N, C-alpha and C. Protein backbone atom coordinates (compact mmCIF):
# COMPACT_ATOMS: atom_id res chain seq x y z
N MET A 1 -19.69 17.19 7.63
CA MET A 1 -18.82 17.70 7.30
C MET A 1 -18.15 17.03 6.41
N MET A 2 -17.94 17.72 5.31
CA MET A 2 -17.33 17.15 3.83
C MET A 2 -15.62 17.20 4.20
N LEU A 3 -15.26 15.71 3.70
CA LEU A 3 -13.61 15.25 4.16
C LEU A 3 -13.42 14.81 2.60
N LEU A 4 -12.01 15.12 2.47
CA LEU A 4 -11.55 14.79 1.01
C LEU A 4 -9.90 14.06 1.47
N GLY A 5 -9.74 12.72 0.92
CA GLY A 5 -8.52 12.25 1.21
C GLY A 5 -8.10 11.92 -0.68
N LEU A 6 -6.82 11.82 -0.35
CA LEU A 6 -6.11 12.16 -1.41
C LEU A 6 -4.62 11.23 -1.60
N ASP A 7 -4.72 10.22 -2.86
CA ASP A 7 -3.52 9.46 -2.97
C ASP A 7 -2.52 10.17 -4.32
N ILE A 8 -1.84 11.81 -3.88
CA ILE A 8 -1.59 11.85 -4.77
C ILE A 8 -0.02 11.25 -5.63
N ALA A 9 -0.37 11.15 -7.12
CA ALA A 9 0.28 10.62 -8.21
C ALA A 9 -0.16 11.44 -9.22
N THR A 10 1.23 10.58 -10.32
CA THR A 10 0.52 10.89 -11.83
C THR A 10 -1.19 10.40 -11.96
N THR A 11 -1.12 9.48 -11.21
CA THR A 11 -2.99 9.04 -11.05
C THR A 11 -3.27 8.91 -9.79
N THR A 12 -3.65 10.00 -9.41
CA THR A 12 -4.22 10.23 -7.91
C THR A 12 -5.49 9.71 -7.76
N GLY A 13 -6.03 9.17 -6.53
CA GLY A 13 -7.19 8.85 -5.97
C GLY A 13 -7.81 9.54 -5.40
N VAL A 14 -8.70 10.06 -5.28
CA VAL A 14 -9.61 11.13 -4.73
C VAL A 14 -10.93 10.57 -4.46
N CYS A 15 -11.24 10.69 -2.57
CA CYS A 15 -12.55 10.08 -1.79
C CYS A 15 -12.74 11.17 -1.49
N LEU A 16 -14.16 11.72 -1.32
CA LEU A 16 -15.07 12.75 -0.90
C LEU A 16 -15.90 11.76 0.37
N LEU A 17 -15.88 12.34 1.68
CA LEU A 17 -16.53 11.32 2.54
C LEU A 17 -17.73 12.88 3.06
N ASP A 18 -18.93 12.22 3.43
CA ASP A 18 -19.77 13.50 4.09
C ASP A 18 -19.76 13.09 5.77
N GLY A 19 -19.12 13.22 6.70
CA GLY A 19 -19.71 13.03 7.68
C GLY A 19 -19.37 11.44 7.94
N GLU A 20 -20.61 10.54 8.04
CA GLU A 20 -20.43 9.33 8.36
C GLU A 20 -20.87 8.60 6.91
N ARG A 21 -21.50 9.48 5.77
CA ARG A 21 -21.42 9.15 4.68
C ARG A 21 -20.58 8.71 3.64
N TYR A 22 -20.15 7.56 2.69
CA TYR A 22 -19.31 7.93 1.89
C TYR A 22 -19.93 8.36 0.74
N VAL A 23 -19.22 9.29 -0.19
CA VAL A 23 -20.07 9.84 -1.54
C VAL A 23 -19.32 9.45 -2.56
N PHE A 24 -18.15 9.54 -2.91
CA PHE A 24 -17.28 9.22 -4.05
C PHE A 24 -16.12 8.27 -3.80
N ALA A 25 -15.27 7.86 -4.15
CA ALA A 25 -13.55 7.68 -4.80
C ALA A 25 -13.48 7.19 -6.08
N ARG A 26 -12.62 7.67 -6.45
CA ARG A 26 -12.21 7.83 -8.13
C ARG A 26 -10.65 7.72 -8.09
N ALA A 27 -10.29 7.60 -9.13
CA ALA A 27 -8.85 8.03 -9.69
C ALA A 27 -8.77 8.82 -11.07
N PHE A 28 -7.78 9.60 -10.87
CA PHE A 28 -7.69 10.63 -11.99
C PHE A 28 -6.11 10.89 -12.43
N ARG A 29 -6.58 10.32 -13.70
CA ARG A 29 -4.85 10.66 -14.62
C ARG A 29 -4.78 11.97 -14.82
N TRP A 30 -3.87 12.54 -14.28
CA TRP A 30 -3.55 13.87 -15.11
C TRP A 30 -3.30 14.18 -16.23
N GLU A 31 -3.73 14.84 -17.31
CA GLU A 31 -3.57 15.48 -18.73
C GLU A 31 -2.37 16.04 -18.96
N GLY A 32 -1.30 16.22 -19.90
CA GLY A 32 0.01 17.11 -20.19
C GLY A 32 0.94 16.52 -20.77
N LYS A 33 1.70 16.57 -21.29
CA LYS A 33 2.81 16.53 -21.80
C LYS A 33 3.87 16.73 -20.72
N CYS A 34 3.65 17.64 -19.98
CA CYS A 34 4.89 18.23 -18.93
C CYS A 34 4.58 18.43 -17.77
N SER A 35 5.38 18.21 -17.03
CA SER A 35 4.72 18.62 -15.60
C SER A 35 4.04 19.81 -15.50
N GLY A 36 4.39 20.79 -15.95
CA GLY A 36 3.66 22.13 -15.67
C GLY A 36 2.07 21.57 -16.35
N GLN A 37 1.86 20.99 -17.28
CA GLN A 37 0.41 20.99 -17.75
C GLN A 37 -0.03 19.72 -17.10
N VAL A 38 0.58 19.23 -16.39
CA VAL A 38 -0.03 17.78 -15.50
C VAL A 38 -0.28 18.91 -13.52
N PHE A 39 0.29 19.70 -13.59
CA PHE A 39 -0.02 20.43 -12.33
C PHE A 39 -1.11 21.25 -12.65
N ARG A 40 -1.72 21.93 -14.19
CA ARG A 40 -2.45 22.66 -14.14
C ARG A 40 -3.52 21.87 -14.39
N HIS A 41 -3.75 20.93 -14.97
CA HIS A 41 -4.88 20.17 -14.87
C HIS A 41 -5.32 19.33 -13.36
N PHE A 42 -4.05 19.36 -12.51
CA PHE A 42 -4.41 18.68 -11.33
C PHE A 42 -5.34 20.01 -10.46
N ARG A 43 -5.00 21.16 -10.88
CA ARG A 43 -5.06 21.95 -9.80
C ARG A 43 -6.52 22.53 -10.45
N LYS A 44 -6.85 22.63 -11.63
CA LYS A 44 -8.52 23.27 -11.91
C LYS A 44 -9.32 21.90 -11.80
N THR A 45 -8.80 20.63 -11.65
CA THR A 45 -9.39 19.42 -10.71
C THR A 45 -9.96 19.65 -9.38
N LEU A 46 -8.84 19.56 -8.75
CA LEU A 46 -8.59 19.87 -7.36
C LEU A 46 -9.58 21.05 -6.75
N TYR A 47 -9.28 22.05 -7.82
CA TYR A 47 -9.70 23.10 -7.10
C TYR A 47 -12.05 23.17 -7.43
N GLN A 48 -12.04 22.33 -8.20
CA GLN A 48 -13.38 22.13 -8.89
C GLN A 48 -13.82 21.32 -7.48
N ILE A 49 -13.22 20.30 -7.05
CA ILE A 49 -14.21 19.44 -6.10
C ILE A 49 -14.16 20.01 -5.07
N ILE A 50 -13.04 20.70 -4.80
CA ILE A 50 -13.12 21.54 -3.21
C ILE A 50 -14.56 22.16 -2.95
N ASP A 51 -14.27 23.19 -4.33
CA ASP A 51 -15.02 24.42 -3.98
C ASP A 51 -16.82 23.67 -4.58
N THR A 52 -17.23 22.52 -5.55
CA THR A 52 -18.07 22.25 -5.66
C THR A 52 -19.25 21.63 -4.52
N ASN A 53 -17.79 20.54 -4.01
CA ASN A 53 -18.40 19.78 -2.94
C ASN A 53 -18.24 20.42 -1.30
N LYS A 54 -17.71 22.10 -1.48
CA LYS A 54 -17.75 22.66 0.08
C LYS A 54 -17.04 21.74 1.29
N VAL A 55 -15.51 21.39 0.76
CA VAL A 55 -14.95 20.35 1.12
C VAL A 55 -14.00 21.32 2.69
N LYS A 56 -14.26 20.75 3.73
CA LYS A 56 -13.70 21.37 4.85
C LYS A 56 -12.22 21.00 5.68
N HIS A 57 -11.82 19.99 5.10
CA HIS A 57 -10.87 19.41 5.49
C HIS A 57 -10.15 18.39 4.76
N VAL A 58 -8.65 18.63 4.61
CA VAL A 58 -8.25 17.51 3.42
C VAL A 58 -6.93 16.79 4.17
N ALA A 59 -6.56 15.30 3.63
CA ALA A 59 -5.35 14.89 4.11
C ALA A 59 -5.23 14.17 2.75
N ALA A 60 -3.53 14.14 2.70
CA ALA A 60 -3.17 13.21 1.56
C ALA A 60 -1.76 12.67 2.14
N GLU A 61 -2.01 11.05 1.76
CA GLU A 61 -0.64 10.59 2.22
C GLU A 61 0.50 11.44 1.94
N GLN A 62 1.49 10.78 2.97
CA GLN A 62 3.13 11.92 2.48
C GLN A 62 3.71 10.88 1.73
N PRO A 63 4.36 11.85 0.77
CA PRO A 63 5.11 11.54 -0.29
C PRO A 63 6.19 10.90 -0.16
N LEU A 64 6.66 9.87 -1.03
CA LEU A 64 7.79 9.10 -1.27
C LEU A 64 9.17 9.87 -0.44
N ARG A 65 10.02 9.59 0.03
CA ARG A 65 10.81 10.41 0.65
C ARG A 65 12.13 10.20 -0.28
N THR A 66 13.09 10.84 -0.92
CA THR A 66 14.47 10.70 -1.64
C THR A 66 15.10 9.80 -1.46
N ASP A 67 15.33 9.41 0.00
CA ASP A 67 16.15 8.40 -0.02
C ASP A 67 16.00 6.87 0.05
N ILE A 68 14.45 6.63 -0.77
CA ILE A 68 13.72 5.68 0.03
C ILE A 68 14.65 4.41 -1.09
N GLU A 69 14.54 3.29 -1.12
CA GLU A 69 15.36 2.29 -2.32
C GLU A 69 14.25 0.96 -1.83
N LEU A 70 13.83 0.79 -3.14
CA LEU A 70 13.07 0.04 -3.31
C LEU A 70 13.35 -1.63 -4.38
N GLY A 71 12.66 -2.58 -3.73
CA GLY A 71 13.33 -3.75 -4.47
C GLY A 71 12.68 -4.01 -5.91
N THR A 72 13.54 -4.52 -6.33
CA THR A 72 13.53 -4.65 -7.87
C THR A 72 12.86 -6.10 -8.54
N GLY A 73 12.60 -7.09 -7.40
CA GLY A 73 12.45 -8.41 -7.28
C GLY A 73 13.15 -9.34 -8.03
N GLU A 74 14.53 -8.68 -8.12
CA GLU A 74 15.77 -9.75 -9.17
C GLU A 74 16.63 -10.05 -7.64
N GLN A 75 17.39 -10.98 -7.73
CA GLN A 75 18.45 -11.35 -6.71
C GLN A 75 19.69 -10.75 -7.64
N ASP A 76 20.91 -10.77 -6.70
CA ASP A 76 22.14 -10.42 -7.49
C ASP A 76 22.49 -12.19 -7.57
N PRO A 77 22.98 -12.36 -8.60
CA PRO A 77 23.82 -13.73 -8.73
C PRO A 77 24.71 -13.98 -7.91
N GLU A 78 25.46 -13.08 -7.57
CA GLU A 78 26.78 -13.43 -7.03
C GLU A 78 26.77 -13.32 -5.69
N THR A 79 25.38 -12.59 -4.89
CA THR A 79 25.25 -12.11 -3.22
C THR A 79 24.13 -13.14 -2.93
N GLY A 80 23.09 -13.48 -3.84
CA GLY A 80 21.61 -13.75 -3.48
C GLY A 80 20.96 -12.68 -3.28
N GLU A 81 21.73 -11.15 -2.66
CA GLU A 81 20.55 -10.63 -1.96
C GLU A 81 19.47 -9.56 -3.05
N GLN A 82 18.43 -9.21 -2.53
CA GLN A 82 17.65 -8.67 -3.56
C GLN A 82 18.41 -7.29 -4.03
N ILE A 83 18.33 -6.83 -5.44
CA ILE A 83 18.70 -5.64 -5.79
C ILE A 83 17.55 -4.92 -5.74
N LYS A 84 18.23 -3.65 -5.41
CA LYS A 84 17.41 -2.34 -5.07
C LYS A 84 17.87 -1.21 -5.82
N THR A 85 16.56 -0.22 -6.36
CA THR A 85 16.82 0.63 -6.74
C THR A 85 16.40 2.16 -6.13
N ARG A 86 16.54 3.13 -6.58
CA ARG A 86 15.68 4.10 -6.03
C ARG A 86 15.23 4.86 -7.69
N PRO A 87 14.15 5.29 -7.07
CA PRO A 87 13.27 6.01 -8.43
C PRO A 87 13.75 7.28 -8.88
N PRO A 88 13.76 7.27 -10.38
CA PRO A 88 14.52 8.80 -10.70
C PRO A 88 13.95 9.95 -10.00
N MET A 89 14.55 11.06 -9.89
CA MET A 89 14.12 12.14 -9.43
C MET A 89 13.03 12.93 -10.14
N LYS A 90 12.86 12.63 -11.60
CA LYS A 90 12.09 13.14 -11.97
C LYS A 90 10.56 12.70 -11.37
N THR A 91 10.85 11.40 -10.99
CA THR A 91 9.41 10.88 -10.19
C THR A 91 8.73 11.72 -8.73
N PHE A 92 10.14 12.35 -8.14
CA PHE A 92 10.13 12.83 -7.26
C PHE A 92 9.67 14.29 -7.19
N MET A 93 10.40 14.99 -8.44
CA MET A 93 9.36 16.23 -8.98
C MET A 93 8.52 16.28 -8.91
N ARG A 94 7.85 15.43 -9.85
CA ARG A 94 6.31 15.20 -10.04
C ARG A 94 5.38 15.04 -9.05
N VAL A 95 5.76 14.20 -8.11
CA VAL A 95 5.03 14.15 -6.53
C VAL A 95 4.91 15.33 -5.58
N TYR A 96 6.42 15.99 -5.69
CA TYR A 96 6.56 16.78 -4.71
C TYR A 96 5.80 18.11 -5.22
N GLY A 97 6.14 18.27 -6.78
CA GLY A 97 5.12 19.40 -7.46
C GLY A 97 3.44 19.15 -7.15
N LEU A 98 3.33 17.85 -7.34
CA LEU A 98 1.74 17.45 -7.13
C LEU A 98 1.26 18.13 -5.81
N CYS A 99 1.97 17.51 -4.76
CA CYS A 99 1.71 17.85 -3.18
C CYS A 99 1.84 19.38 -3.15
N ALA A 100 2.86 20.41 -3.89
CA ALA A 100 2.73 21.66 -3.43
C ALA A 100 1.42 22.18 -4.09
N VAL A 101 0.55 21.76 -5.40
CA VAL A 101 -0.77 21.94 -5.45
C VAL A 101 -1.83 21.82 -4.90
N ALA A 102 -1.69 21.02 -4.19
CA ALA A 102 -2.38 20.51 -3.24
C ALA A 102 -2.48 21.04 -2.56
N GLU A 103 -1.58 21.83 -1.66
CA GLU A 103 -1.66 22.59 -0.57
C GLU A 103 -1.91 24.19 -0.94
N GLU A 104 -1.48 24.71 -2.00
CA GLU A 104 -2.29 25.63 -2.63
C GLU A 104 -3.31 26.08 -2.77
N VAL A 105 -3.60 24.86 -3.31
CA VAL A 105 -5.25 24.58 -3.62
C VAL A 105 -6.11 24.89 -2.14
N CYS A 106 -5.67 23.88 -1.48
CA CYS A 106 -6.57 24.20 -0.02
C CYS A 106 -6.15 25.50 0.59
N ALA A 107 -5.13 25.98 0.71
CA ALA A 107 -4.70 27.36 0.91
C ALA A 107 -5.74 28.68 0.45
N ALA A 108 -6.12 28.54 -1.11
CA ALA A 108 -6.73 29.17 -1.55
C ALA A 108 -7.95 29.11 -0.97
N HIS A 109 -8.47 27.78 -0.73
CA HIS A 109 -10.00 27.55 -0.04
C HIS A 109 -10.04 28.02 1.43
N ASP A 110 -9.40 28.45 2.08
CA ASP A 110 -9.16 28.26 3.17
C ASP A 110 -9.07 27.00 3.95
N VAL A 111 -9.16 25.96 3.62
CA VAL A 111 -9.37 24.60 3.79
C VAL A 111 -7.88 23.63 4.51
N PRO A 112 -7.79 23.30 5.79
CA PRO A 112 -6.97 22.82 6.83
C PRO A 112 -6.42 21.58 5.40
N PHE A 113 -5.38 21.74 5.69
CA PHE A 113 -4.38 20.31 4.38
C PHE A 113 -3.61 19.56 5.52
N GLU A 114 -3.43 18.16 5.79
CA GLU A 114 -2.57 17.59 6.67
C GLU A 114 -2.06 16.09 5.48
N TYR A 115 -0.43 16.26 6.19
CA TYR A 115 -0.58 14.64 5.43
C TYR A 115 -0.14 13.41 6.46
N VAL A 116 -0.58 12.17 6.13
CA VAL A 116 -0.27 11.35 6.64
C VAL A 116 0.40 9.95 6.68
N ASN A 117 0.97 9.62 7.07
CA ASN A 117 2.57 8.39 6.84
C ASN A 117 1.38 7.44 6.37
N GLN A 118 1.80 6.44 5.47
CA GLN A 118 0.70 5.49 4.83
C GLN A 118 0.71 4.24 6.07
N GLY A 119 1.82 4.28 6.78
CA GLY A 119 1.49 3.14 7.96
C GLY A 119 0.07 3.64 8.92
N THR A 120 0.13 4.76 9.15
CA THR A 120 -0.88 5.29 10.10
C THR A 120 -2.31 5.32 9.50
N TRP A 121 -2.35 5.60 7.81
CA TRP A 121 -3.94 5.32 7.27
C TRP A 121 -4.13 3.97 7.41
N ARG A 122 -3.28 3.09 6.86
CA ARG A 122 -3.30 1.74 6.49
C ARG A 122 -3.67 0.95 7.95
N LYS A 123 -3.23 1.35 8.83
CA LYS A 123 -3.51 1.01 10.27
C LYS A 123 -4.99 1.41 10.87
N ALA A 124 -5.35 2.59 10.39
CA ALA A 124 -7.02 2.88 10.75
C ALA A 124 -7.89 2.27 9.74
N PHE A 125 -7.70 2.32 8.76
CA PHE A 125 -8.46 1.55 7.38
C PHE A 125 -8.61 0.13 7.62
N THR A 126 -7.52 -0.37 7.65
CA THR A 126 -7.06 -2.31 7.68
C THR A 126 -7.18 -2.95 9.06
N GLY A 127 -6.47 -2.05 9.91
CA GLY A 127 -5.81 -2.81 10.82
C GLY A 127 -5.23 -3.16 10.92
N ASN A 128 -4.28 -3.46 10.16
CA ASN A 128 -2.63 -3.08 9.77
C ASN A 128 -1.93 -2.30 9.32
N GLY A 129 -1.11 -1.63 9.77
CA GLY A 129 -0.37 -0.66 9.60
C GLY A 129 0.87 -0.93 8.04
N ARG A 130 1.15 -2.38 7.93
CA ARG A 130 1.61 -2.89 6.57
C ARG A 130 1.02 -3.66 5.77
N ALA A 131 -0.12 -3.03 5.64
CA ALA A 131 -1.05 -4.08 4.65
C ALA A 131 -0.69 -4.00 3.23
N SER A 132 -1.24 -4.49 2.51
CA SER A 132 -0.84 -4.19 1.10
C SER A 132 -1.79 -3.46 0.55
N LYS A 133 -1.41 -2.54 -0.66
CA LYS A 133 -2.46 -2.06 -1.47
C LYS A 133 -3.74 -2.88 -2.20
N GLN A 134 -3.18 -4.55 -1.96
CA GLN A 134 -4.39 -5.26 -2.45
C GLN A 134 -5.39 -5.29 -1.26
N ALA A 135 -4.80 -5.46 -0.08
CA ALA A 135 -5.74 -5.14 1.00
C ALA A 135 -6.37 -4.11 1.46
N SER A 136 -5.98 -2.78 1.12
CA SER A 136 -6.63 -1.50 0.98
C SER A 136 -7.61 -1.54 0.25
N LEU A 137 -7.56 -2.20 -1.11
CA LEU A 137 -8.50 -2.78 -2.35
C LEU A 137 -9.72 -3.60 -1.54
N ALA A 138 -9.38 -4.37 -0.93
CA ALA A 138 -10.07 -5.41 -0.31
C ALA A 138 -11.22 -4.83 0.47
N GLN A 139 -10.67 -4.00 1.35
CA GLN A 139 -11.20 -3.03 2.60
C GLN A 139 -12.31 -2.01 1.76
N ALA A 140 -11.84 -1.55 1.08
CA ALA A 140 -12.42 -0.22 0.25
C ALA A 140 -13.96 -1.33 -0.49
N GLN A 141 -13.41 -2.23 -1.18
CA GLN A 141 -14.79 -3.00 -1.85
C GLN A 141 -15.67 -3.23 -1.12
N LEU A 142 -15.48 -3.26 0.13
CA LEU A 142 -16.26 -3.82 1.42
C LEU A 142 -17.67 -2.66 1.85
N ILE A 143 -17.12 -1.27 1.14
CA ILE A 143 -17.84 -0.33 1.42
C ILE A 143 -18.27 0.50 0.14
N ASP A 144 -17.72 -0.08 -0.99
CA ASP A 144 -17.98 0.19 -2.21
C ASP A 144 -17.87 -0.71 -3.35
N ARG A 145 -18.51 -1.96 -4.15
CA ARG A 145 -17.64 -3.23 -4.78
C ARG A 145 -17.48 -2.51 -5.97
N THR A 146 -17.67 -1.05 -6.14
CA THR A 146 -17.13 -0.56 -7.61
C THR A 146 -15.86 -0.28 -7.88
N ILE A 147 -15.31 0.33 -6.62
CA ILE A 147 -13.95 0.42 -6.65
C ILE A 147 -12.87 -0.53 -7.31
N THR A 148 -12.16 -0.52 -8.23
CA THR A 148 -11.67 -1.33 -8.89
C THR A 148 -9.89 -0.75 -8.71
N SER A 149 -9.98 0.65 -8.60
CA SER A 149 -8.72 1.30 -8.44
C SER A 149 -7.89 1.16 -7.26
N LEU A 150 -6.48 0.77 -7.51
CA LEU A 150 -5.73 0.99 -6.15
C LEU A 150 -5.46 2.03 -5.79
N ASP A 151 -5.79 3.06 -6.35
CA ASP A 151 -5.57 4.66 -6.25
C ASP A 151 -6.76 5.16 -5.18
N ALA A 152 -7.74 5.12 -6.25
CA ALA A 152 -9.24 5.54 -5.51
C ALA A 152 -9.25 4.76 -4.17
N ALA A 153 -9.19 2.96 -3.68
CA ALA A 153 -9.26 2.30 -2.87
C ALA A 153 -7.96 3.29 -1.29
N GLU A 154 -7.12 3.68 -2.22
CA GLU A 154 -6.26 4.11 -1.15
C GLU A 154 -6.62 5.54 -0.46
N SER A 155 -7.07 6.07 -1.25
CA SER A 155 -7.73 7.86 -1.04
C SER A 155 -8.67 7.47 -0.25
N LEU A 156 -9.47 6.35 -0.13
CA LEU A 156 -10.51 6.01 0.71
C LEU A 156 -10.23 6.16 2.09
N GLY A 157 -8.80 4.89 2.24
CA GLY A 157 -8.12 4.70 3.16
C GLY A 157 -7.53 6.26 4.20
N VAL A 158 -7.32 7.19 3.20
CA VAL A 158 -6.62 8.42 3.75
C VAL A 158 -7.62 9.18 4.28
N ALA A 159 -9.01 9.05 3.40
CA ALA A 159 -10.16 10.17 4.16
C ALA A 159 -10.66 9.03 5.29
N TRP A 160 -10.86 7.89 5.27
CA TRP A 160 -11.03 6.84 6.49
C TRP A 160 -10.33 7.38 7.54
N TRP A 161 -9.02 7.82 7.44
CA TRP A 161 -8.21 8.09 8.44
C TRP A 161 -8.53 9.61 9.06
N LEU A 162 -8.33 10.29 8.08
CA LEU A 162 -8.99 11.65 8.67
C LEU A 162 -10.06 12.00 9.29
N ARG A 163 -11.42 10.97 9.07
CA ARG A 163 -12.68 11.15 9.86
C ARG A 163 -12.44 10.90 10.97
N GLY A 164 -11.52 9.80 11.40
CA GLY A 164 -10.94 9.07 12.75
C GLY A 164 -10.36 10.42 13.40
N HIS A 165 -9.53 10.81 12.71
CA HIS A 165 -8.51 11.80 13.24
C HIS A 165 -8.90 13.23 13.91
N LEU A 166 -10.30 13.41 12.80
CA LEU A 166 -11.45 14.93 13.42
C LEU A 166 -12.30 14.35 14.29
N ASP A 167 -12.47 13.43 14.49
CA ASP A 167 -13.71 12.70 15.01
C ASP A 167 -13.66 11.31 15.64
N PRO A 168 -13.38 11.75 17.14
CA PRO A 168 -12.87 10.28 18.25
C PRO A 168 -13.82 9.63 17.85
N ARG A 169 -15.04 9.56 17.42
CA ARG A 169 -15.89 8.59 17.06
C ARG A 169 -15.86 7.45 16.63
N PHE A 170 -14.69 8.04 15.41
CA PHE A 170 -14.31 6.69 14.38
C PHE A 170 -13.15 6.80 14.03
N ALA A 171 -12.42 6.71 15.49
CA ALA A 171 -10.91 6.93 15.27
C ALA A 171 -10.26 5.25 15.73
N ALA A 172 -11.00 4.29 16.86
CA ALA A 172 -10.76 3.24 16.87
C ALA A 172 -10.32 2.42 15.50
N PRO A 173 -9.37 1.44 15.71
CA PRO A 173 -8.92 0.65 14.51
C PRO A 173 -9.95 -0.07 14.43
N ARG A 174 -9.58 -0.72 12.93
CA ARG A 174 -10.91 -1.62 12.51
C ARG A 174 -11.14 -2.96 13.26
N GLY A 175 -12.06 -3.53 13.91
CA GLY A 175 -12.22 -4.67 14.44
C GLY A 175 -11.97 -4.60 15.75
N ASP A 176 -11.73 -3.69 16.15
CA ASP A 176 -11.08 -3.44 17.82
C ASP A 176 -12.65 -3.75 18.56
N LEU A 177 -12.20 -4.13 19.77
CA LEU A 177 -13.39 -5.02 20.56
C LEU A 177 -13.96 -3.67 21.08
N PHE A 178 -13.23 -2.37 21.05
CA PHE A 178 -14.02 -1.23 21.65
C PHE A 178 -14.25 -0.04 20.76
N GLU A 179 -14.60 -0.84 19.26
CA GLU A 179 -14.74 -0.34 18.35
C GLU A 179 -16.10 0.64 18.88
N PRO A 180 -16.36 2.31 18.52
CA PRO A 180 -17.40 3.13 19.28
C PRO A 180 -18.58 2.43 18.20
N LYS A 181 -19.83 2.30 18.87
CA LYS A 181 -20.97 2.28 17.81
C LYS A 181 -21.75 3.46 18.08
N LEU A 182 -21.96 3.55 16.75
CA LEU A 182 -23.02 4.90 16.76
C LEU A 182 -24.39 4.97 17.12
N ALA A 183 -24.67 5.97 17.88
CA ALA A 183 -25.75 5.89 18.11
C ALA A 183 -26.94 6.46 16.91
N PRO A 184 -28.08 5.82 16.79
CA PRO A 184 -28.64 6.04 15.88
C PRO A 184 -29.69 7.42 15.90
N ILE A 185 -29.65 8.28 15.28
CA ILE A 185 -29.93 9.37 14.79
C ILE A 185 -31.41 9.51 15.30
N ARG A 186 -31.81 10.28 16.40
CA ARG A 186 -33.46 10.29 16.83
C ARG A 186 -33.89 11.63 16.92
N LYS A 187 -34.76 11.19 15.84
CA LYS A 187 -35.88 12.70 16.23
C LYS A 187 -36.48 12.97 17.29
N GLU A 188 -36.77 14.08 17.82
CA GLU A 188 -37.46 14.42 19.22
C GLU A 188 -38.32 15.10 18.44
N THR A 189 -39.42 14.48 19.05
CA THR A 189 -40.69 15.31 18.89
C THR A 189 -41.12 16.06 19.98
N PRO A 190 -42.36 17.03 19.77
CA PRO A 190 -42.77 17.91 21.06
C PRO A 190 -43.81 17.05 21.46
N PHE A 191 -44.43 15.79 21.04
CA PHE A 191 -45.33 15.81 22.02
C PHE A 191 -44.86 14.01 22.65
């Protein structure tokens, strides 16, 4: 069963799994001078990927919440506390628009689509729900050494979670003592 994992942003990670088999993980930077052009490029590319590969299920990392505050890495000289800021609304509009396009494309193909929390897919993929982007990249490189993009690596993590979500044989956390072992496929012969 073809599964697609997405890490949606202006540069979007896309990973395709075929059941137990890894197919590809790539990062796409959407072209366009305005959001409408970016959405159109994303729509055309995603539509083609789903159609060409006969994708049956899609999952994407949940987009950022609008009330999120991010550390700037700087400290307030008076209080010593880390200075926090919020991403500009333009960022949220772009990400939410891309998410809406992904949902629409999946609906056009009659393919189930769902969001997964970042901590949930990271726990399934790395064994740590608070793993860094670098840890996700390191885990992805165990599967495909050619992956260098953080976005591609994170899409692999989302696809990995989706596979475990749909098939309990793949649901055990990485490195779990009780991680299921897949039985080898045996061909039965009539004699």
